[in-house]
Amino acid sequence: MTLLEQFLLPFGGGEQKPSSSNSSGKQSTAVPSPDQPTSPTKKHRTVALQGHTVPWLLKRTRRKTVGMSIGRGMIQVNAPRWVPVSDIEYILKEKSKWLLARLAEWHQSEQHRLLPEQQWAHGASLQYLGKPLTLMLSPQLQQTQWDDFRRELQLALPTDADMDRIRDVVHGWLQHQARALFAKRLKTISDQSGRRYTKFSLSNARGRWGSCSEDGHIRLNWRLIHFSQEVIDYVIAHELAHTYTMDHSKSFWDEVAEILPSYEEGKSVLRRARLDTLPTF
């Protein structure tokens, strides 16, 4: 059973005939007419997409086109009153590959949200450069120290420090490490590849790992510090390639490969990662 089949299991499976249901639940063999103004604003329905019975919610609006999004584990459709349900289902089937992929991502994200929240206490763990580190409260220290051998972040805090204070100290340390490491790797990869950028800064974006403006200003999401150097180097190579071209054409990926021949390793890791599963600061 595939991951998507597991996600859609509660809604059933198997290809169904592309017929529609009227408000009484009976099957209609005729082409449905547009909903009348007196019909409900929203209707829950199902549609067969590539062998999966998928729930979808119809909302009639004043918009002029049919819009689709994913939410609450189903397809949400906003459509004008004059568009027949049969036409909407045809559009859903045409977009089935994209819709099923987005549904799988949504369910995957929901599973991640059910994971235990990050703990901010003595002995707690979080990811740093692709491996777990342990938080240690060390009141005898004057400043935060990193023990690479034990992979311990030793915080100069009292043993009764509250979670907010611990989180803030860890946050500051991670951002400091990110700025130093990213700047160093960016310069190294830039020098080795001969690609130039004009400026570097950290990003706090919730929707992207990095960006590059047309004037060569590269921003790297500081949360990349949770990942291994292979991932960090891939994002750097990706953004340096954007100084050559701003699109994602074949020539762009050829540029990425020339900058970092091993980029696929980091790319594959990042493709499976989600910003919303990382610790919240």
C-alpha atoms as a PDB file:
ATOM      1  CA  MET A   1       0.000   0.000   0.000  1.00  0.00           C
ATOM      2  CA  THR A   2       1.405   3.366  -1.017  1.00  0.00           C
ATOM      3  CA  LEU A   3       1.604   6.389   1.265  1.00  0.00           C
ATOM      4  CA  LEU A   4      -1.183   8.093  -0.674  1.00  0.00           C
ATOM      5  CA  GLU A   5      -3.423   4.992  -0.414  1.00  0.00           C
ATOM      6  CA  GLN A   6      -2.926   5.008   3.352  1.00  0.00           C
ATOM      7  CA  PHE A   7      -3.952   8.659   3.485  1.00  0.00           C
ATOM      8  CA  LEU A   8      -7.071   8.094   1.363  1.00  0.00           C
ATOM      9  CA  LEU A   9      -8.068   4.792   2.980  1.00  0.00           C
ATOM     10  CA  PRO A  10     -10.843   6.310   5.151  1.00  0.00           C
ATOM     11  CA  PHE A  11     -12.577   7.556   2.014  1.00  0.00           C
ATOM     12  CA  GLY A  12     -12.484   4.236   0.150  1.00  0.00           C
ATOM     13  CA  GLY A  13     -10.775   3.255  -3.079  1.00  0.00           C
ATOM     14  CA  GLY A  14     -11.428   1.917  -6.513  1.00  0.00           C
ATOM     15  CA  GLU A  15     -12.429   3.598  -9.735  1.00  0.00           C
ATOM     16  CA  GLN A  16     -16.023   4.775  -9.909  1.00  0.00           C
ATOM     17  CA  LYS A  17     -18.168   5.765 -12.815  1.00  0.00           C
ATOM     18  CA  PRO A  18     -17.926   9.501 -13.399  1.00  0.00           C
ATOM     19  CA  SER A  19     -21.543  10.107 -12.449  1.00  0.00           C
ATOM     20  CA  SER A  20     -22.659  12.830 -10.108  1.00  0.00           C
ATOM     21  CA  SER A  21     -25.080  12.862  -7.179  1.00  0.00           C
ATOM     22  CA  ASN A  22     -27.997  15.191  -6.743  1.00  0.00           C
ATOM     23  CA  SER A  23     -29.099  16.617  -3.412  1.00  0.00           C
ATOM     24  CA  SER A  24     -31.197  13.505  -2.635  1.00  0.00           C
ATOM     25  CA  GLY A  25     -28.202  11.200  -3.035  1.00  0.00           C
ATOM     26  CA  LYS A  26     -29.624   9.439  -6.154  1.00  0.00           C
ATOM     27  CA  GLN A  27     -27.431   8.945  -9.196  1.00  0.00           C
ATOM     28  CA  SER A  28     -28.233  11.121 -12.174  1.00  0.00           C
ATOM     29  CA  THR A  29     -27.690   9.836 -15.709  1.00  0.00           C
ATOM     30  CA  ALA A  30     -28.310  13.214 -17.320  1.00  0.00           C
ATOM     31  CA  VAL A  31     -25.763  15.979 -17.548  1.00  0.00           C
ATOM     32  CA  PRO A  32     -26.268  18.007 -14.332  1.00  0.00           C
ATOM     33  CA  SER A  33     -27.569  21.508 -14.750  1.00  0.00           C
ATOM     34  CA  PRO A  34     -25.947  24.424 -12.956  1.00  0.00           C
ATOM     35  CA  ASP A  35     -26.876  24.699  -9.274  1.00  0.00           C
ATOM     36  CA  GLN A  36     -29.888  26.863  -8.643  1.00  0.00           C
ATOM     37  CA  PRO A  37     -29.518  29.940  -6.393  1.00  0.00           C
ATOM     38  CA  THR A  38     -31.603  28.127  -3.737  1.00  0.00           C
ATOM     39  CA  SER A  39     -29.085  25.226  -3.408  1.00  0.00           C
ATOM     40  CA  PRO A  40     -26.691  25.076  -0.435  1.00  0.00           C
ATOM     41  CA  THR A  41     -23.588  27.262  -0.632  1.00  0.00           C
ATOM     42  CA  LYS A  42     -21.264  24.328   0.146  1.00  0.00           C
ATOM     43  CA  LYS A  43     -21.588  20.630  -0.756  1.00  0.00           C
ATOM     44  CA  HIS A  44     -19.430  17.672   0.215  1.00  0.00           C
ATOM     45  CA  ARG A  45     -18.878  15.268  -2.656  1.00  0.00           C
ATOM     46  CA  THR A  46     -16.419  12.618  -3.833  1.00  0.00           C
ATOM     47  CA  VAL A  47     -14.607  12.198  -7.130  1.00  0.00           C
ATOM     48  CA  ALA A  48     -12.610   9.263  -8.516  1.00  0.00           C
ATOM     49  CA  LEU A  49      -9.013  10.313  -9.254  1.00  0.00           C
ATOM     50  CA  GLN A  50      -6.642   7.670 -10.607  1.00  0.00           C
ATOM     51  CA  GLY A  51      -8.422   4.883  -8.722  1.00  0.00           C
ATOM     52  CA  HIS A  52      -8.847   6.823  -5.460  1.00  0.00           C
ATOM     53  CA  THR A  53     -12.155   8.120  -4.156  1.00  0.00           C
ATOM     54  CA  VAL A  54     -11.305  11.623  -2.978  1.00  0.00           C
ATOM     55  CA  PRO A  55     -13.589  13.943  -0.983  1.00  0.00           C
ATOM     56  CA  TRP A  56     -14.110  17.470  -2.230  1.00  0.00           C
ATOM     57  CA  LEU A  57     -16.055  20.476  -1.054  1.00  0.00           C
ATOM     58  CA  LEU A  58     -17.891  22.772  -3.452  1.00  0.00           C
ATOM     59  CA  LYS A  59     -18.472  26.415  -2.624  1.00  0.00           C
ATOM     60  CA  ARG A  60     -20.342  28.621  -5.051  1.00  0.00           C
ATOM     61  CA  THR A  61     -18.887  32.127  -5.279  1.00  0.00           C
ATOM     62  CA  ARG A  62     -19.021  35.258  -7.412  1.00  0.00           C
ATOM     63  CA  ARG A  63     -15.613  34.520  -8.955  1.00  0.00           C
ATOM     64  CA  LYS A  64     -15.444  34.029 -12.736  1.00  0.00           C
ATOM     65  CA  THR A  65     -13.174  30.955 -12.787  1.00  0.00           C
ATOM     66  CA  VAL A  66     -12.878  27.624 -10.946  1.00  0.00           C
ATOM     67  CA  GLY A  67     -10.309  27.677  -8.142  1.00  0.00           C
ATOM     68  CA  MET A  68      -8.898  24.666  -6.277  1.00  0.00           C
ATOM     69  CA  SER A  69      -6.980  24.271  -3.031  1.00  0.00           C
ATOM     70  CA  ILE A  70      -6.257  21.601  -0.424  1.00  0.00           C
ATOM     71  CA  GLY A  71      -7.515  21.892   3.133  1.00  0.00           C
ATOM     72  CA  ARG A  72      -8.899  19.701   5.935  1.00  0.00           C
ATOM     73  CA  GLY A  73      -7.871  16.587   4.016  1.00  0.00           C
ATOM     74  CA  MET A  74      -9.957  17.286   0.947  1.00  0.00           C
ATOM     75  CA  ILE A  75     -10.073  19.279  -2.259  1.00  0.00           C
ATOM     76  CA  GLN A  76     -11.785  22.624  -1.806  1.00  0.00           C
ATOM     77  CA  VAL A  77     -13.323  24.123  -4.922  1.00  0.00           C
ATOM     78  CA  ASN A  78     -14.607  27.657  -5.415  1.00  0.00           C
ATOM     79  CA  ALA A  79     -16.666  27.966  -8.572  1.00  0.00           C
ATOM     80  CA  PRO A  80     -19.243  30.290 -10.190  1.00  0.00           C
ATOM     81  CA  ARG A  81     -22.879  29.182  -9.957  1.00  0.00           C
ATOM     82  CA  TRP A  82     -23.131  28.756 -13.724  1.00  0.00           C
ATOM     83  CA  VAL A  83     -20.414  26.037 -13.939  1.00  0.00           C
ATOM     84  CA  PRO A  84     -21.998  22.520 -13.887  1.00  0.00           C
ATOM     85  CA  VAL A  85     -20.704  19.980 -11.387  1.00  0.00           C
ATOM     86  CA  SER A  86     -19.832  17.680 -14.301  1.00  0.00           C
ATOM     87  CA  ASP A  87     -17.476  20.347 -15.685  1.00  0.00           C
ATOM     88  CA  ILE A  88     -15.861  20.809 -12.276  1.00  0.00           C
ATOM     89  CA  GLU A  89     -15.293  17.051 -11.948  1.00  0.00           C
ATOM     90  CA  TYR A  90     -13.735  17.028 -15.415  1.00  0.00           C
ATOM     91  CA  ILE A  91     -11.310  19.748 -14.296  1.00  0.00           C
ATOM     92  CA  LEU A  92     -10.491  17.785 -11.123  1.00  0.00           C
ATOM     93  CA  LYS A  93      -9.703  14.693 -13.184  1.00  0.00           C
ATOM     94  CA  GLU A  94      -7.509  16.734 -15.527  1.00  0.00           C
ATOM     95  CA  LYS A  95      -5.577  17.987 -12.486  1.00  0.00           C
ATOM     96  CA  SER A  96      -5.632  14.622 -10.685  1.00  0.00           C
ATOM     97  CA  LYS A  97      -1.859  14.125 -10.572  1.00  0.00           C
ATOM     98  CA  TRP A  98      -1.270  17.564  -9.048  1.00  0.00           C
ATOM     99  CA  LEU A  99      -4.209  17.260  -6.631  1.00  0.00           C
ATOM    100  CA  LEU A 100      -3.180  13.816  -5.344  1.00  0.00           C
ATOM    101  CA  ALA A 101       0.364  15.019  -4.781  1.00  0.00           C
ATOM    102  CA  ARG A 102      -0.894  18.049  -2.818  1.00  0.00           C
ATOM    103  CA  LEU A 103      -3.228  15.842  -0.770  1.00  0.00           C
ATOM    104  CA  ALA A 104      -0.342  13.530   0.126  1.00  0.00           C
ATOM    105  CA  GLU A 105       1.731  16.543   1.190  1.00  0.00           C
ATOM    106  CA  TRP A 106      -1.147  17.843   3.317  1.00  0.00           C
ATOM    107  CA  HIS A 107      -1.571  14.536   5.160  1.00  0.00           C
ATOM    108  CA  GLN A 108       2.181  14.244   5.600  1.00  0.00           C
ATOM    109  CA  SER A 109       2.243  17.728   7.111  1.00  0.00           C
ATOM    110  CA  GLU A 110      -0.618  16.830   9.460  1.00  0.00           C
ATOM    111  CA  GLN A 111       1.300  13.769  10.651  1.00  0.00           C
ATOM    112  CA  HIS A 112       4.312  15.947  11.406  1.00  0.00           C
ATOM    113  CA  ARG A 113       2.140  18.348  13.382  1.00  0.00           C
ATOM    114  CA  LEU A 114       1.145  15.456  15.637  1.00  0.00           C
ATOM    115  CA  LEU A 115       4.768  14.895  16.627  1.00  0.00           C
ATOM    116  CA  PRO A 116       5.716  15.955  20.168  1.00  0.00           C
ATOM    117  CA  GLU A 117       6.600  19.625  20.487  1.00  0.00           C
ATOM    118  CA  GLN A 118      10.234  20.589  20.886  1.00  0.00           C
ATOM    119  CA  GLN A 119      11.240  20.402  24.543  1.00  0.00           C
ATOM    120  CA  TRP A 120      13.320  23.223  25.999  1.00  0.00           C
ATOM    121  CA  ALA A 121      14.868  21.628  29.071  1.00  0.00           C
ATOM    122  CA  HIS A 122      18.025  19.995  30.406  1.00  0.00           C
ATOM    123  CA  GLY A 123      18.692  16.833  28.393  1.00  0.00           C
ATOM    124  CA  ALA A 124      16.398  17.750  25.501  1.00  0.00           C
ATOM    125  CA  SER A 125      17.541  17.101  21.929  1.00  0.00           C
ATOM    126  CA  LEU A 126      17.288  18.880  18.577  1.00  0.00           C
ATOM    127  CA  GLN A 127      18.932  18.630  15.164  1.00  0.00           C
ATOM    128  CA  TYR A 128      22.123  20.562  14.451  1.00  0.00           C
ATOM    129  CA  LEU A 129      24.016  20.097  11.168  1.00  0.00           C
ATOM    130  CA  GLY A 130      22.104  16.916  10.448  1.00  0.00           C
ATOM    131  CA  LYS A 131      22.706  15.201  13.790  1.00  0.00           C
ATOM    132  CA  PRO A 132      21.081  15.470  17.221  1.00  0.00           C
ATOM    133  CA  LEU A 133      22.608  17.613  19.932  1.00  0.00           C
ATOM    134  CA  THR A 134      21.757  17.562  23.632  1.00  0.00           C
ATOM    135  CA  LEU A 135      20.941  20.653  25.667  1.00  0.00           C
ATOM    136  CA  MET A 136      22.799  20.822  28.987  1.00  0.00           C
ATOM    137  CA  LEU A 137      22.224  23.459  31.665  1.00  0.00           C
ATOM    138  CA  SER A 138      25.617  24.372  33.122  1.00  0.00           C
ATOM    139  CA  PRO A 139      25.310  27.191  35.715  1.00  0.00           C
ATOM    140  CA  GLN A 140      29.055  27.120  36.381  1.00  0.00           C
ATOM    141  CA  LEU A 141      29.814  28.403  32.858  1.00  0.00           C
ATOM    142  CA  GLN A 142      30.188  32.078  31.959  1.00  0.00           C
ATOM    143  CA  GLN A 143      28.950  31.634  28.384  1.00  0.00           C
ATOM    144  CA  THR A 144      27.401  29.030  26.097  1.00  0.00           C
ATOM    145  CA  GLN A 145      29.838  26.369  24.904  1.00  0.00           C
ATOM    146  CA  TRP A 146      29.650  23.712  22.203  1.00  0.00           C
ATOM    147  CA  ASP A 147      31.193  20.304  22.958  1.00  0.00           C
ATOM    148  CA  ASP A 148      31.597  18.727  19.527  1.00  0.00           C
ATOM    149  CA  PHE A 149      32.834  15.367  20.890  1.00  0.00           C
ATOM    150  CA  ARG A 150      29.793  14.853  23.132  1.00  0.00           C
ATOM    151  CA  ARG A 151      27.546  16.901  20.841  1.00  0.00           C
ATOM    152  CA  GLU A 152      26.368  18.893  23.821  1.00  0.00           C
ATOM    153  CA  LEU A 153      25.281  22.507  23.785  1.00  0.00           C
ATOM    154  CA  GLN A 154      26.230  23.622  27.263  1.00  0.00           C
ATOM    155  CA  LEU A 155      24.128  26.624  28.260  1.00  0.00           C
ATOM    156  CA  ALA A 156      25.329  29.046  30.929  1.00  0.00           C
ATOM    157  CA  LEU A 157      21.951  28.959  32.672  1.00  0.00           C
ATOM    158  CA  PRO A 158      20.746  27.970  36.149  1.00  0.00           C
ATOM    159  CA  THR A 159      19.181  24.541  36.535  1.00  0.00           C
ATOM    160  CA  ASP A 160      15.793  26.120  37.205  1.00  0.00           C
ATOM    161  CA  ALA A 161      15.795  28.259  34.023  1.00  0.00           C
ATOM    162  CA  ASP A 162      12.356  28.334  32.391  1.00  0.00           C
ATOM    163  CA  MET A 163      11.727  27.008  28.896  1.00  0.00           C
ATOM    164  CA  ASP A 164      11.373  30.458  27.309  1.00  0.00           C
ATOM    165  CA  ARG A 165      14.811  31.497  28.518  1.00  0.00           C
ATOM    166  CA  ILE A 166      16.378  28.233  27.324  1.00  0.00           C
ATOM    167  CA  ARG A 167      14.698  28.552  23.942  1.00  0.00           C
ATOM    168  CA  ASP A 168      15.889  32.144  23.485  1.00  0.00           C
ATOM    169  CA  VAL A 169      19.513  31.253  24.281  1.00  0.00           C
ATOM    170  CA  VAL A 170      19.436  28.271  21.895  1.00  0.00           C
ATOM    171  CA  HIS A 171      17.803  30.413  19.213  1.00  0.00           C
ATOM    172  CA  GLY A 172      20.508  33.052  19.468  1.00  0.00           C
ATOM    173  CA  TRP A 173      23.297  30.466  19.376  1.00  0.00           C
ATOM    174  CA  LEU A 174      21.860  28.681  16.330  1.00  0.00           C
ATOM    175  CA  GLN A 175      21.466  31.932  14.402  1.00  0.00           C
ATOM    176  CA  HIS A 176      25.027  32.952  15.252  1.00  0.00           C
ATOM    177  CA  GLN A 177      26.311  29.584  14.020  1.00  0.00           C
ATOM    178  CA  ALA A 178      24.193  29.818  10.884  1.00  0.00           C
ATOM    179  CA  ARG A 179      25.494  33.273   9.960  1.00  0.00           C
ATOM    180  CA  ALA A 180      29.140  32.256  10.408  1.00  0.00           C
ATOM    181  CA  LEU A 181      28.905  28.885   8.647  1.00  0.00           C
ATOM    182  CA  PHE A 182      26.736  30.024   5.746  1.00  0.00           C
ATOM    183  CA  ALA A 183      28.947  33.028   5.044  1.00  0.00           C
ATOM    184  CA  LYS A 184      32.019  30.778   5.020  1.00  0.00           C
ATOM    185  CA  ARG A 185      30.489  28.117   2.765  1.00  0.00           C
ATOM    186  CA  LEU A 186      29.013  30.746   0.432  1.00  0.00           C
ATOM    187  CA  LYS A 187      32.407  32.389  -0.042  1.00  0.00           C
ATOM    188  CA  THR A 188      34.133  29.036  -0.543  1.00  0.00           C
ATOM    189  CA  ILE A 189      31.655  27.770  -3.133  1.00  0.00           C
ATOM    190  CA  SER A 190      31.556  31.164  -4.845  1.00  0.00           C
ATOM    191  CA  ASP A 191      35.349  31.309  -5.113  1.00  0.00           C
ATOM    192  CA  GLN A 192      35.634  27.713  -6.327  1.00  0.00           C
ATOM    193  CA  SER A 193      32.915  28.084  -8.959  1.00  0.00           C
ATOM    194  CA  GLY A 194      33.699  31.618 -10.079  1.00  0.00           C
ATOM    195  CA  ARG A 195      30.103  32.733  -9.463  1.00  0.00           C
ATOM    196  CA  ARG A 196      29.711  36.080  -7.783  1.00  0.00           C
ATOM    197  CA  TYR A 197      27.096  37.490  -5.436  1.00  0.00           C
ATOM    198  CA  THR A 198      26.795  41.030  -4.080  1.00  0.00           C
ATOM    199  CA  LYS A 199      25.470  40.517  -0.573  1.00  0.00           C
ATOM    200  CA  PHE A 200      24.560  37.807   1.938  1.00  0.00           C
ATOM    201  CA  SER A 201      22.026  37.851   4.770  1.00  0.00           C
ATOM    202  CA  LEU A 202      20.030  35.404   6.852  1.00  0.00           C
ATOM    203  CA  SER A 203      16.357  34.830   6.157  1.00  0.00           C
ATOM    204  CA  ASN A 204      13.562  34.028   8.587  1.00  0.00           C
ATOM    205  CA  ALA A 205      11.074  33.095   5.866  1.00  0.00           C
ATOM    206  CA  ARG A 206       8.523  30.382   6.634  1.00  0.00           C
ATOM    207  CA  GLY A 207       8.028  29.320   3.028  1.00  0.00           C
ATOM    208  CA  ARG A 208      11.440  29.075   1.361  1.00  0.00           C
ATOM    209  CA  TRP A 209      14.966  27.890   2.091  1.00  0.00           C
ATOM    210  CA  GLY A 210      16.757  30.607   0.166  1.00  0.00           C
ATOM    211  CA  SER A 211      16.404  33.376  -2.397  1.00  0.00           C
ATOM    212  CA  CYS A 212      18.482  35.445  -4.784  1.00  0.00           C
ATOM    213  CA  SER A 213      17.500  38.857  -6.077  1.00  0.00           C
ATOM    214  CA  GLU A 214      18.368  40.136  -9.535  1.00  0.00           C
ATOM    215  CA  ASP A 215      21.136  42.281  -8.060  1.00  0.00           C
ATOM    216  CA  GLY A 216      22.850  39.194  -6.567  1.00  0.00           C
ATOM    217  CA  HIS A 217      21.683  39.509  -2.951  1.00  0.00           C
ATOM    218  CA  ILE A 218      21.510  35.967  -1.544  1.00  0.00           C
ATOM    219  CA  ARG A 219      19.381  35.158   1.495  1.00  0.00           C
ATOM    220  CA  LEU A 220      19.643  31.802   3.259  1.00  0.00           C
ATOM    221  CA  ASN A 221      17.095  30.564   5.768  1.00  0.00           C
ATOM    222  CA  TRP A 222      18.861  30.255   9.119  1.00  0.00           C
ATOM    223  CA  ARG A 223      16.875  27.061   9.857  1.00  0.00           C
ATOM    224  CA  LEU A 224      19.126  25.272   7.364  1.00  0.00           C
ATOM    225  CA  ILE A 225      21.490  24.984  10.343  1.00  0.00           C
ATOM    226  CA  HIS A 226      19.391  21.974  11.385  1.00  0.00           C
ATOM    227  CA  PHE A 227      20.547  20.128   8.240  1.00  0.00           C
ATOM    228  CA  SER A 228      23.830  18.593   7.129  1.00  0.00           C
ATOM    229  CA  GLN A 229      26.462  20.517   5.170  1.00  0.00           C
ATOM    230  CA  GLU A 230      25.410  18.676   1.983  1.00  0.00           C
ATOM    231  CA  VAL A 231      21.976  20.297   2.244  1.00  0.00           C
ATOM    232  CA  ILE A 232      23.383  23.730   3.069  1.00  0.00           C
ATOM    233  CA  ASP A 233      25.813  23.530   0.137  1.00  0.00           C
ATOM    234  CA  TYR A 234      22.988  22.550  -2.205  1.00  0.00           C
ATOM    235  CA  VAL A 235      20.903  25.615  -1.279  1.00  0.00           C
ATOM    236  CA  ILE A 236      23.965  27.824  -1.683  1.00  0.00           C
ATOM    237  CA  ALA A 237      24.687  26.351  -5.137  1.00  0.00           C
ATOM    238  CA  HIS A 238      21.007  26.749  -6.045  1.00  0.00           C
ATOM    239  CA  GLU A 239      21.010  30.444  -5.182  1.00  0.00           C
ATOM    240  CA  LEU A 240      24.386  31.076  -6.830  1.00  0.00           C
ATOM    241  CA  ALA A 241      22.971  29.538 -10.002  1.00  0.00           C
ATOM    242  CA  HIS A 242      20.218  32.150  -9.869  1.00  0.00           C
ATOM    243  CA  THR A 243      22.859  34.827 -10.396  1.00  0.00           C
ATOM    244  CA  TYR A 244      23.160  33.226 -13.846  1.00  0.00           C
ATOM    245  CA  THR A 245      19.441  32.714 -14.541  1.00  0.00           C
ATOM    246  CA  MET A 246      16.342  33.430 -12.467  1.00  0.00           C
ATOM    247  CA  ASP A 247      14.265  30.535 -13.816  1.00  0.00           C
ATOM    248  CA  HIS A 248      14.463  26.773 -13.233  1.00  0.00           C
ATOM    249  CA  SER A 249      15.101  25.694 -16.802  1.00  0.00           C
ATOM    250  CA  LYS A 250      17.460  22.914 -17.879  1.00  0.00           C
ATOM    251  CA  SER A 251      20.270  25.444 -18.235  1.00  0.00           C
ATOM    252  CA  PHE A 252      19.690  26.483 -14.627  1.00  0.00           C
ATOM    253  CA  TRP A 253      20.108  22.918 -13.356  1.00  0.00           C
ATOM    254  CA  ASP A 254      23.155  22.489 -15.564  1.00  0.00           C
ATOM    255  CA  GLU A 255      24.539  25.550 -13.808  1.00  0.00           C
ATOM    256  CA  VAL A 256      23.779  24.049 -10.380  1.00  0.00           C
ATOM    257  CA  ALA A 257      25.543  20.831 -11.393  1.00  0.00           C
ATOM    258  CA  GLU A 258      28.578  22.760 -12.563  1.00  0.00           C
ATOM    259  CA  ILE A 259      28.749  24.673  -9.281  1.00  0.00           C
ATOM    260  CA  LEU A 260      28.136  21.587  -7.107  1.00  0.00           C
ATOM    261  CA  PRO A 261      28.315  18.229  -8.947  1.00  0.00           C
ATOM    262  CA  SER A 262      26.953  16.377  -5.872  1.00  0.00           C
ATOM    263  CA  TYR A 263      23.923  18.661  -5.486  1.00  0.00           C
ATOM    264  CA  GLU A 264      21.385  15.813  -5.912  1.00  0.00           C
ATOM    265  CA  GLU A 265      22.231  14.431  -2.462  1.00  0.00           C
ATOM    266  CA  GLY A 266      21.275  17.619  -0.654  1.00  0.00           C
ATOM    267  CA  LYS A 267      18.336  18.263  -2.945  1.00  0.00           C
ATOM    268  CA  SER A 268      16.786  14.853  -2.208  1.00  0.00           C
ATOM    269  CA  VAL A 269      17.015  15.434   1.550  1.00  0.00           C
ATOM    270  CA  LEU A 270      15.483  18.891   1.336  1.00  0.00           C
ATOM    271  CA  ARG A 271      12.684  17.684  -0.947  1.00  0.00           C
ATOM    272  CA  ARG A 272      11.400  15.512   1.910  1.00  0.00           C
ATOM    273  CA  ALA A 273      11.815  18.219   4.571  1.00  0.00           C
ATOM    274  CA  ARG A 274       9.250  20.791   5.698  1.00  0.00           C
ATOM    275  CA  LEU A 275       9.847  24.092   7.434  1.00  0.00           C
ATOM    276  CA  ASP A 276       6.767  23.621   9.610  1.00  0.00           C
ATOM    277  CA  THR A 277       8.244  20.498  11.224  1.00  0.00           C
ATOM    278  CA  LEU A 278      11.312  22.314  12.588  1.00  0.00           C
ATOM    279  CA  PRO A 279      11.456  23.726  16.137  1.00  0.00           C
ATOM    280  CA  THR A 280       9.449  26.901  16.583  1.00  0.00           C
ATOM    281  CA  PHE A 281      11.338  29.857  18.048  1.00  0.00           C
END
